PDB file of all heavy atoms in Angstrom:
ATOM      1  N   ALA A   1      69.303  75.482 123.689  1.00  0.00           N
ATOM      2  CA  ALA A   1      69.588  76.781 123.083  1.00  0.00           C
ATOM      3  C   ALA A   1      70.844  77.386 123.703  1.00  0.00           C
ATOM      4  O   ALA A   1      71.166  77.154 124.857  1.00  0.00           O
ATOM      5  CB  ALA A   1      68.409  77.723 123.278  1.00  0.00           C
ATOM      6  N   GLY A   2      71.518  78.199 122.909  1.00  0.00           N
ATOM      7  CA  GLY A   2      72.675  78.943 123.406  1.00  0.00           C
ATOM      8  C   GLY A   2      73.876  78.060 123.660  1.00  0.00           C
ATOM      9  O   GLY A   2      74.073  77.023 123.032  1.00  0.00           O
ATOM     10  N   ARG A   3      74.694  78.488 124.628  1.00  0.00           N
ATOM     11  CA  ARG A   3      75.885  77.719 124.952  1.00  0.00           C
ATOM     12  C   ARG A   3      76.232  77.916 126.421  1.00  0.00           C
ATOM     13  O   ARG A   3      75.869  78.925 127.024  1.00  0.00           O
ATOM     14  CB  ARG A   3      77.067  78.139 124.079  1.00  0.00           C
ATOM     15  CG  ARG A   3      77.541  79.569 124.307  1.00  0.00           C
ATOM     16  CD  ARG A   3      78.790  79.864 123.481  1.00  0.00           C
ATOM     17  NE  ARG A   3      78.481  79.949 122.069  1.00  0.00           N
ATOM     18  CZ  ARG A   3      79.408  80.004 121.114  1.00  0.00           C
ATOM     19  NH1 ARG A   3      80.686  79.945 121.443  1.00  0.00           N
ATOM     20  NH2 ARG A   3      79.062  80.093 119.850  1.00  0.00           N
ATOM     21  N   ALA A   4      76.934  76.946 126.995  1.00  0.00           N
ATOM     22  CA  ALA A   4      77.411  77.052 128.373  1.00  0.00           C
ATOM     23  C   ALA A   4      78.564  78.049 128.431  1.00  0.00           C
ATOM     24  O   ALA A   4      79.051  78.526 127.396  1.00  0.00           O
ATOM     25  CB  ALA A   4      77.849  75.680 128.881  1.00  0.00           C
ATOM     26  N   SER A   5      79.023  78.368 129.645  1.00  0.00           N
ATOM     27  CA  SER A   5      80.094  79.357 129.805  1.00  0.00           C
ATOM     28  C   SER A   5      81.471  78.734 129.955  1.00  0.00           C
ATOM     29  O   SER A   5      82.468  79.302 129.517  1.00  0.00           O
ATOM     30  CB  SER A   5      79.814  80.256 131.020  1.00  0.00           C
ATOM     31  OG  SER A   5      78.656  81.032 130.791  1.00  0.00           O
ATOM     32  N   ALA A   6      81.562  77.558 130.607  1.00  0.00           N
ATOM     33  CA  ALA A   6      82.868  76.945 130.842  1.00  0.00           C
ATOM     34  C   ALA A   6      82.688  75.474 131.176  1.00  0.00           C
ATOM     35  O   ALA A   6      81.595  75.020 131.524  1.00  0.00           O
ATOM     36  CB  ALA A   6      83.604  77.661 131.984  1.00  0.00           C
ATOM     37  N   TYR A   7      83.808  74.726 131.051  1.00  0.00           N
ATOM     38  CA  TYR A   7      83.822  73.314 131.400  1.00  0.00           C
ATOM     39  C   TYR A   7      84.744  73.081 132.593  1.00  0.00           C
ATOM     40  O   TYR A   7      85.681  73.842 132.851  1.00  0.00           O
ATOM     41  CB  TYR A   7      84.344  72.472 130.237  1.00  0.00           C
ATOM     42  CG  TYR A   7      83.434  72.405 129.044  1.00  0.00           C
ATOM     43  CD1 TYR A   7      83.874  72.803 127.781  1.00  0.00           C
ATOM     44  CD2 TYR A   7      82.140  71.909 129.155  1.00  0.00           C
ATOM     45  CE1 TYR A   7      83.058  72.717 126.671  1.00  0.00           C
ATOM     46  CE2 TYR A   7      81.307  71.831 128.052  1.00  0.00           C
ATOM     47  CZ  TYR A   7      81.772  72.227 126.813  1.00  0.00           C
ATOM     48  OH  TYR A   7      80.946  72.151 125.726  1.00  0.00           O
ATOM     49  N   ASP A   8      84.482  71.992 133.300  1.00  0.00           N
ATOM     50  CA  ASP A   8      85.364  71.505 134.362  1.00  0.00           C
ATOM     51  C   ASP A   8      85.536  70.015 134.121  1.00  0.00           C
ATOM     52  O   ASP A   8      84.577  69.246 134.227  1.00  0.00           O
ATOM     53  CB  ASP A   8      84.758  71.773 135.738  1.00  0.00           C
ATOM     54  CG  ASP A   8      85.731  71.464 136.880  1.00  0.00           C
ATOM     55  OD1 ASP A   8      86.771  70.830 136.620  1.00  0.00           O
ATOM     56  OD2 ASP A   8      85.446  71.857 138.019  1.00  0.00           O
ATOM     57  N   LEU A   9      86.762  69.613 133.752  1.00  0.00           N
ATOM     58  CA  LEU A   9      87.059  68.219 133.428  1.00  0.00           C
ATOM     59  C   LEU A   9      88.049  67.681 134.451  1.00  0.00           C
ATOM     60  O   LEU A   9      89.073  68.311 134.726  1.00  0.00           O
ATOM     61  CB  LEU A   9      87.652  68.120 132.018  1.00  0.00           C
ATOM     62  CG  LEU A   9      88.127  66.741 131.573  1.00  0.00           C
ATOM     63  CD1 LEU A   9      86.957  65.770 131.489  1.00  0.00           C
ATOM     64  CD2 LEU A   9      88.843  66.848 130.217  1.00  0.00           C
ATOM     65  N   ARG A  10      87.754  66.502 135.017  1.00  0.00           N
ATOM     66  CA  ARG A  10      88.632  65.918 136.029  1.00  0.00           C
ATOM     67  C   ARG A  10      88.839  64.432 135.745  1.00  0.00           C
ATOM     68  O   ARG A  10      88.012  63.784 135.098  1.00  0.00           O
ATOM     69  CB  ARG A  10      88.060  66.123 137.433  1.00  0.00           C
ATOM     70  CG  ARG A  10      87.815  67.590 137.748  1.00  0.00           C
ATOM     71  CD  ARG A  10      87.466  67.838 139.191  1.00  0.00           C
ATOM     72  NE  ARG A  10      87.102  69.241 139.415  1.00  0.00           N
ATOM     73  CZ  ARG A  10      86.935  69.791 140.601  1.00  0.00           C
ATOM     74  NH1 ARG A  10      87.111  69.054 141.704  1.00  0.00           N
ATOM     75  NH2 ARG A  10      86.598  71.062 140.713  1.00  0.00           N
ATOM     76  N   TYR A  11      89.959  63.906 136.281  1.00  0.00           N
ATOM     77  CA  TYR A  11      90.268  62.507 136.007  1.00  0.00           C
ATOM     78  C   TYR A  11      91.018  61.870 137.172  1.00  0.00           C
ATOM     79  O   TYR A  11      91.664  62.541 137.979  1.00  0.00           O
ATOM     80  CB  TYR A  11      91.101  62.382 134.727  1.00  0.00           C
ATOM     81  CG  TYR A  11      92.452  63.047 134.792  1.00  0.00           C
ATOM     82  CD1 TYR A  11      93.585  62.337 135.218  1.00  0.00           C
ATOM     83  CD2 TYR A  11      92.626  64.380 134.416  1.00  0.00           C
ATOM     84  CE1 TYR A  11      94.828  62.944 135.267  1.00  0.00           C
ATOM     85  CE2 TYR A  11      93.862  64.997 134.459  1.00  0.00           C
ATOM     86  CZ  TYR A  11      94.962  64.268 134.886  1.00  0.00           C
ATOM     87  OH  TYR A  11      96.192  64.868 134.943  1.00  0.00           O
ATOM     88  N   ARG A  12      90.923  60.536 137.229  1.00  0.00           N
ATOM     89  CA  ARG A  12      91.656  59.728 138.209  1.00  0.00           C
ATOM     90  C   ARG A  12      91.984  58.385 137.565  1.00  0.00           C
ATOM     91  O   ARG A  12      91.459  58.047 136.496  1.00  0.00           O
ATOM     92  CB  ARG A  12      90.827  59.508 139.475  1.00  0.00           C
ATOM     93  CG  ARG A  12      90.565  60.760 140.282  1.00  0.00           C
ATOM     94  CD  ARG A  12      89.748  60.465 141.536  1.00  0.00           C
ATOM     95  NE  ARG A  12      90.505  59.639 142.495  1.00  0.00           N
ATOM     96  CZ  ARG A  12      90.017  59.229 143.654  1.00  0.00           C
ATOM     97  NH1 ARG A  12      88.773  59.557 144.003  1.00  0.00           N
ATOM     98  NH2 ARG A  12      90.737  58.495 144.475  1.00  0.00           N
ATOM     99  N   THR A  13      92.823  57.613 138.236  1.00  0.00           N
ATOM    100  CA  THR A  13      93.146  56.278 137.745  1.00  0.00           C
ATOM    101  C   THR A  13      92.222  55.217 138.343  1.00  0.00           C
ATOM    102  O   THR A  13      92.414  54.035 138.096  1.00  0.00           O
ATOM    103  CB  THR A  13      94.605  55.923 138.078  1.00  0.00           C
ATOM    104  OG1 THR A  13      94.817  56.057 139.492  1.00  0.00           O
ATOM    105  CG2 THR A  13      95.563  56.848 137.335  1.00  0.00           C
ATOM    106  N   SER A  14      91.245  55.634 139.104  1.00  0.00           N
ATOM    107  CA  SER A  14      90.228  54.718 139.625  1.00  0.00           C
ATOM    108  C   SER A  14      88.863  55.213 139.180  1.00  0.00           C
ATOM    109  O   SER A  14      88.623  56.419 139.048  1.00  0.00           O
ATOM    110  CB  SER A  14      90.285  54.641 141.152  1.00  0.00           C
ATOM    111  OG  SER A  14      90.056  55.922 141.724  1.00  0.00           O
ATOM    112  N   ALA A  15      87.966  54.285 138.958  1.00  0.00           N
ATOM    113  CA  ALA A  15      86.622  54.644 138.490  1.00  0.00           C
ATOM    114  C   ALA A  15      85.777  55.152 139.651  1.00  0.00           C
ATOM    115  O   ALA A  15      85.969  54.745 140.804  1.00  0.00           O
ATOM    116  CB  ALA A  15      85.960  53.436 137.855  1.00  0.00           C
ATOM    117  N   PRO A  16      84.830  56.050 139.376  1.00  0.00           N
ATOM    118  CA  PRO A  16      83.937  56.517 140.437  1.00  0.00           C
ATOM    119  C   PRO A  16      83.084  55.375 140.986  1.00  0.00           C
ATOM    120  O   PRO A  16      82.685  54.470 140.246  1.00  0.00           O
ATOM    121  CB  PRO A  16      83.066  57.559 139.735  1.00  0.00           C
ATOM    122  CG  PRO A  16      83.820  57.939 138.516  1.00  0.00           C
ATOM    123  CD  PRO A  16      84.572  56.719 138.096  1.00  0.00           C
ATOM    124  N   SER A  17      82.826  55.421 142.269  1.00  0.00           N
ATOM    125  CA  SER A  17      81.914  54.463 142.885  1.00  0.00           C
ATOM    126  C   SER A  17      80.532  55.121 142.957  1.00  0.00           C
ATOM    127  O   SER A  17      80.212  56.010 142.168  1.00  0.00           O
ATOM    128  CB  SER A  17      82.419  54.088 144.280  1.00  0.00           C
ATOM    129  OG  SER A  17      82.473  55.237 145.116  1.00  0.00           O
ATOM    130  N   THR A  18      79.744  54.729 143.915  1.00  0.00           N
ATOM    131  CA  THR A  18      78.435  55.362 144.059  1.00  0.00           C
ATOM    132  C   THR A  18      78.569  56.778 144.615  1.00  0.00           C
ATOM    133  O   THR A  18      77.649  57.589 144.477  1.00  0.00           O
ATOM    134  CB  THR A  18      77.555  54.524 144.990  1.00  0.00           C
ATOM    135  OG1 THR A  18      78.248  54.323 146.241  1.00  0.00           O
ATOM    136  CG2 THR A  18      77.253  53.162 144.360  1.00  0.00           C
ATOM    137  N   ASP A  19      79.706  57.091 145.229  1.00  0.00           N
ATOM    138  CA  ASP A  19      79.930  58.427 145.789  1.00  0.00           C
ATOM    139  C   ASP A  19      80.722  59.263 144.785  1.00  0.00           C
ATOM    140  O   ASP A  19      81.929  59.443 144.912  1.00  0.00           O
ATOM    141  CB  ASP A  19      80.690  58.310 147.112  1.00  0.00           C
ATOM    142  CG  ASP A  19      80.822  59.668 147.816  1.00  0.00           C
ATOM    143  OD1 ASP A  19      80.304  60.661 147.273  1.00  0.00           O
ATOM    144  OD2 ASP A  19      81.460  59.715 148.880  1.00  0.00           O
ATOM    145  N   THR A  20      80.046  59.763 143.765  1.00  0.00           N
ATOM    146  CA  THR A  20      80.722  60.524 142.710  1.00  0.00           C
ATOM    147  C   THR A  20      81.310  61.823 143.244  1.00  0.00           C
ATOM    148  O   THR A  20      82.372  62.263 142.794  1.00  0.00           O
ATOM    149  CB  THR A  20      79.741  60.832 141.565  1.00  0.00           C
ATOM    150  OG1 THR A  20      79.156  59.610 141.110  1.00  0.00           O
ATOM    151  CG2 THR A  20      80.444  61.516 140.406  1.00  0.00           C
ATOM    152  N   LEU A  21      80.653  62.437 144.224  1.00  0.00           N
ATOM    153  CA  LEU A  21      81.146  63.699 144.761  1.00  0.00           C
ATOM    154  C   LEU A  21      82.532  63.535 145.380  1.00  0.00           C
ATOM    155  O   LEU A  21      83.425  64.353 145.145  1.00  0.00           O
ATOM    156  CB  LEU A  21      80.170  64.258 145.793  1.00  0.00           C
ATOM    157  CG  LEU A  21      80.614  65.556 146.493  1.00  0.00           C
ATOM    158  CD1 LEU A  21      80.805  66.673 145.480  1.00  0.00           C
ATOM    159  CD2 LEU A  21      79.592  65.959 147.561  1.00  0.00           C
ATOM    160  N   SER A  22      82.724  62.485 146.175  1.00  0.00           N
ATOM    161  CA  SER A  22      84.038  62.253 146.784  1.00  0.00           C
ATOM    162  C   SER A  22      85.095  61.990 145.712  1.00  0.00           C
ATOM    163  O   SER A  22      86.229  62.475 145.803  1.00  0.00           O
ATOM    164  CB  SER A  22      83.970  61.082 147.762  1.00  0.00           C
ATOM    165  OG  SER A  22      83.123  61.385 148.850  1.00  0.00           O
ATOM    166  N   TRP A  23      84.718  61.205 144.692  1.00  0.00           N
ATOM    167  CA  TRP A  23      85.642  60.955 143.575  1.00  0.00           C
ATOM    168  C   TRP A  23      86.022  62.275 142.909  1.00  0.00           C
ATOM    169  O   TRP A  23      87.193  62.529 142.629  1.00  0.00           O
ATOM    170  CB  TRP A  23      84.982  60.005 142.580  1.00  0.00           C
ATOM    171  CG  TRP A  23      85.846  59.627 141.421  1.00  0.00           C
ATOM    172  CD1 TRP A  23      86.589  58.495 141.294  1.00  0.00           C
ATOM    173  CD2 TRP A  23      86.039  60.375 140.206  1.00  0.00           C
ATOM    174  NE1 TRP A  23      87.252  58.494 140.093  1.00  0.00           N
ATOM    175  CE2 TRP A  23      86.937  59.642 139.399  1.00  0.00           C
ATOM    176  CE3 TRP A  23      85.570  61.596 139.729  1.00  0.00           C
ATOM    177  CZ2 TRP A  23      87.351  60.084 138.145  1.00  0.00           C
ATOM    178  CZ3 TRP A  23      85.982  62.045 138.483  1.00  0.00           C
ATOM    179  CH2 TRP A  23      86.856  61.298 137.707  1.00  0.00           C
ATOM    180  N   TRP A  24      85.033  63.105 142.661  1.00  0.00           N
ATOM    181  CA  TRP A  24      85.242  64.386 141.982  1.00  0.00           C
ATOM    182  C   TRP A  24      86.173  65.288 142.785  1.00  0.00           C
ATOM    183  O   TRP A  24      87.099  65.894 142.238  1.00  0.00           O
ATOM    184  CB  TRP A  24      83.892  65.051 141.764  1.00  0.00           C
ATOM    185  CG  TRP A  24      83.939  66.408 141.122  1.00  0.00           C
ATOM    186  CD1 TRP A  24      83.938  67.612 141.747  1.00  0.00           C
ATOM    187  CD2 TRP A  24      83.979  66.689 139.715  1.00  0.00           C
ATOM    188  NE1 TRP A  24      83.972  68.641 140.841  1.00  0.00           N
ATOM    189  CE2 TRP A  24      83.997  68.103 139.576  1.00  0.00           C
ATOM    190  CE3 TRP A  24      83.992  65.901 138.572  1.00  0.00           C
ATOM    191  CZ2 TRP A  24      84.041  68.728 138.336  1.00  0.00           C
ATOM    192  CZ3 TRP A  24      84.026  66.530 137.329  1.00  0.00           C
ATOM    193  CH2 TRP A  24      84.054  67.917 137.227  1.00  0.00           C
ATOM    194  N   ASN A  25      85.974  65.381 144.072  1.00  0.00           N
ATOM    195  CA  ASN A  25      86.783  66.271 144.909  1.00  0.00           C
ATOM    196  C   ASN A  25      88.234  65.812 144.999  1.00  0.00           C
ATOM    197  O   ASN A  25      89.140  66.630 145.199  1.00  0.00           O
ATOM    198  CB  ASN A  25      86.186  66.366 146.312  1.00  0.00           C
ATOM    199  CG  ASN A  25      84.882  67.134 146.331  1.00  0.00           C
ATOM    200  OD1 ASN A  25      84.623  67.978 145.467  1.00  0.00           O
ATOM    201  ND2 ASN A  25      84.021  66.850 147.309  1.00  0.00           N
ATOM    202  N   ALA A  26      88.478  64.516 144.848  1.00  0.00           N
ATOM    203  CA  ALA A  26      89.837  63.983 144.933  1.00  0.00           C
ATOM    204  C   ALA A  26      90.510  63.873 143.570  1.00  0.00           C
ATOM    205  O   ALA A  26      91.700  63.555 143.496  1.00  0.00           O
ATOM    206  CB  ALA A  26      89.822  62.612 145.609  1.00  0.00           C
ATOM    207  N   ALA A  27      89.783  64.144 142.503  1.00  0.00           N
ATOM    208  CA  ALA A  27      90.309  63.964 141.150  1.00  0.00           C
ATOM    209  C   ALA A  27      91.216  65.125 140.753  1.00  0.00           C
ATOM    210  O   ALA A  27      91.163  66.221 141.316  1.00  0.00           O
ATOM    211  CB  ALA A  27      89.153  63.825 140.159  1.00  0.00           C
ATOM    212  N   THR A  28      92.048  64.869 139.743  1.00  0.00           N
ATOM    213  CA  THR A  28      92.920  65.903 139.182  1.00  0.00           C
ATOM    214  C   THR A  28      92.126  66.762 138.208  1.00  0.00           C
ATOM    215  O   THR A  28      91.453  66.237 137.319  1.00  0.00           O
ATOM    216  CB  THR A  28      94.109  65.262 138.445  1.00  0.00           C
ATOM    217  OG1 THR A  28      94.875  64.486 139.377  1.00  0.00           O
ATOM    218  CG2 THR A  28      95.003  66.331 137.822  1.00  0.00           C
ATOM    219  N   LYS A  29      92.225  68.065 138.382  1.00  0.00           N
ATOM    220  CA  LYS A  29      91.485  68.989 137.527  1.00  0.00           C
ATOM    221  C   LYS A  29      92.333  69.395 136.336  1.00  0.00           C
ATOM    222  O   LYS A  29      93.483  69.812 136.489  1.00  0.00           O
ATOM    223  CB  LYS A  29      91.078  70.230 138.331  1.00  0.00           C
ATOM    224  CG  LYS A  29      90.248  71.227 137.536  1.00  0.00           C
ATOM    225  CD  LYS A  29      89.789  72.381 138.430  1.00  0.00           C
ATOM    226  CE  LYS A  29      88.946  73.384 137.644  1.00  0.00           C
ATOM    227  NZ  LYS A  29      88.449  74.480 138.495  1.00  0.00           N
ATOM    228  N   VAL A  30      91.783  69.281 135.149  1.00  0.00           N
ATOM    229  CA  VAL A  30      92.466  69.742 133.940  1.00  0.00           C
ATOM    230  C   VAL A  30      92.463  71.264 133.939  1.00  0.00           C
ATOM    231  O   VAL A  30      91.413  71.885 134.150  1.00  0.00           O
ATOM    232  CB  VAL A  30      91.762  69.199 132.685  1.00  0.00           C
ATOM    233  CG1 VAL A  30      92.409  69.768 131.419  1.00  0.00           C
ATOM    234  CG2 VAL A  30      91.807  67.673 132.673  1.00  0.00           C
ATOM    235  N   PRO A  31      93.618  71.922 133.730  1.00  0.00           N
ATOM    236  CA  PRO A  31      93.647  73.395 133.741  1.00  0.00           C
ATOM    237  C   PRO A  31      92.628  73.979 132.776  1.00  0.00           C
ATOM    238  O   PRO A  31      92.441  73.479 131.660  1.00  0.00           O
ATOM    239  CB  PRO A  31      95.087  73.709 133.306  1.00  0.00           C
ATOM    240  CG  PRO A  31      95.875  72.509 133.700  1.00  0.00           C
ATOM    241  CD  PRO A  31      94.950  71.344 133.504  1.00  0.00           C
ATOM    242  N   SER A  32      91.968  75.025 133.212  1.00  0.00           N
ATOM    243  CA  SER A  32      90.914  75.633 132.383  1.00  0.00           C
ATOM    244  C   SER A  32      91.454  76.108 131.046  1.00  0.00           C
ATOM    245  O   SER A  32      90.739  76.112 130.046  1.00  0.00           O
ATOM    246  CB  SER A  32      90.257  76.789 133.139  1.00  0.00           C
ATOM    247  OG  SER A  32      91.233  77.775 133.493  1.00  0.00           O
ATOM    248  N   GLY A  33      92.746  76.517 131.021  1.00  0.00           N
ATOM    249  CA  GLY A  33      93.324  76.987 129.765  1.00  0.00           C
ATOM    250  C   GLY A  33      93.488  75.889 128.736  1.00  0.00           C
ATOM    251  O   GLY A  33      93.705  76.173 127.552  1.00  0.00           O
ATOM    252  N   SER A  34      93.397  74.628 129.162  1.00  0.00           N
ATOM    253  CA  SER A  34      93.504  73.509 128.232  1.00  0.00           C
ATOM    254  C   SER A  34      92.145  73.058 127.692  1.00  0.00           C
ATOM    255  O   SER A  34      92.085  72.175 126.837  1.00  0.00           O
ATOM    256  CB  SER A  34      94.180  72.315 128.923  1.00  0.00           C
ATOM    257  OG  SER A  34      95.477  72.649 129.359  1.00  0.00           O
ATOM    258  N   LEU A  35      91.075  73.647 128.206  1.00  0.00           N
ATOM    259  CA  LEU A  35      89.731  73.262 127.786  1.00  0.00           C
ATOM    260  C   LEU A  35      89.163  74.268 126.793  1.00  0.00           C
ATOM    261  O   LEU A  35      89.455  75.465 126.883  1.00  0.00           O
ATOM    262  CB  LEU A  35      88.808  73.164 129.002  1.00  0.00           C
ATOM    263  CG  LEU A  35      89.187  72.097 130.034  1.00  0.00           C
ATOM    264  CD1 LEU A  35      88.276  72.199 131.250  1.00  0.00           C
ATOM    265  CD2 LEU A  35      89.096  70.707 129.417  1.00  0.00           C
TER     266      LEU A  35
END
């Protein structure tokens, strides 16, 4: 029901391993204005 408030999209040129949190923290964040 309803809708979320915002998105956070990130990317890297390497795939996440089992440690997704470390991958996420080192990834490039897409500006919120582009989402």
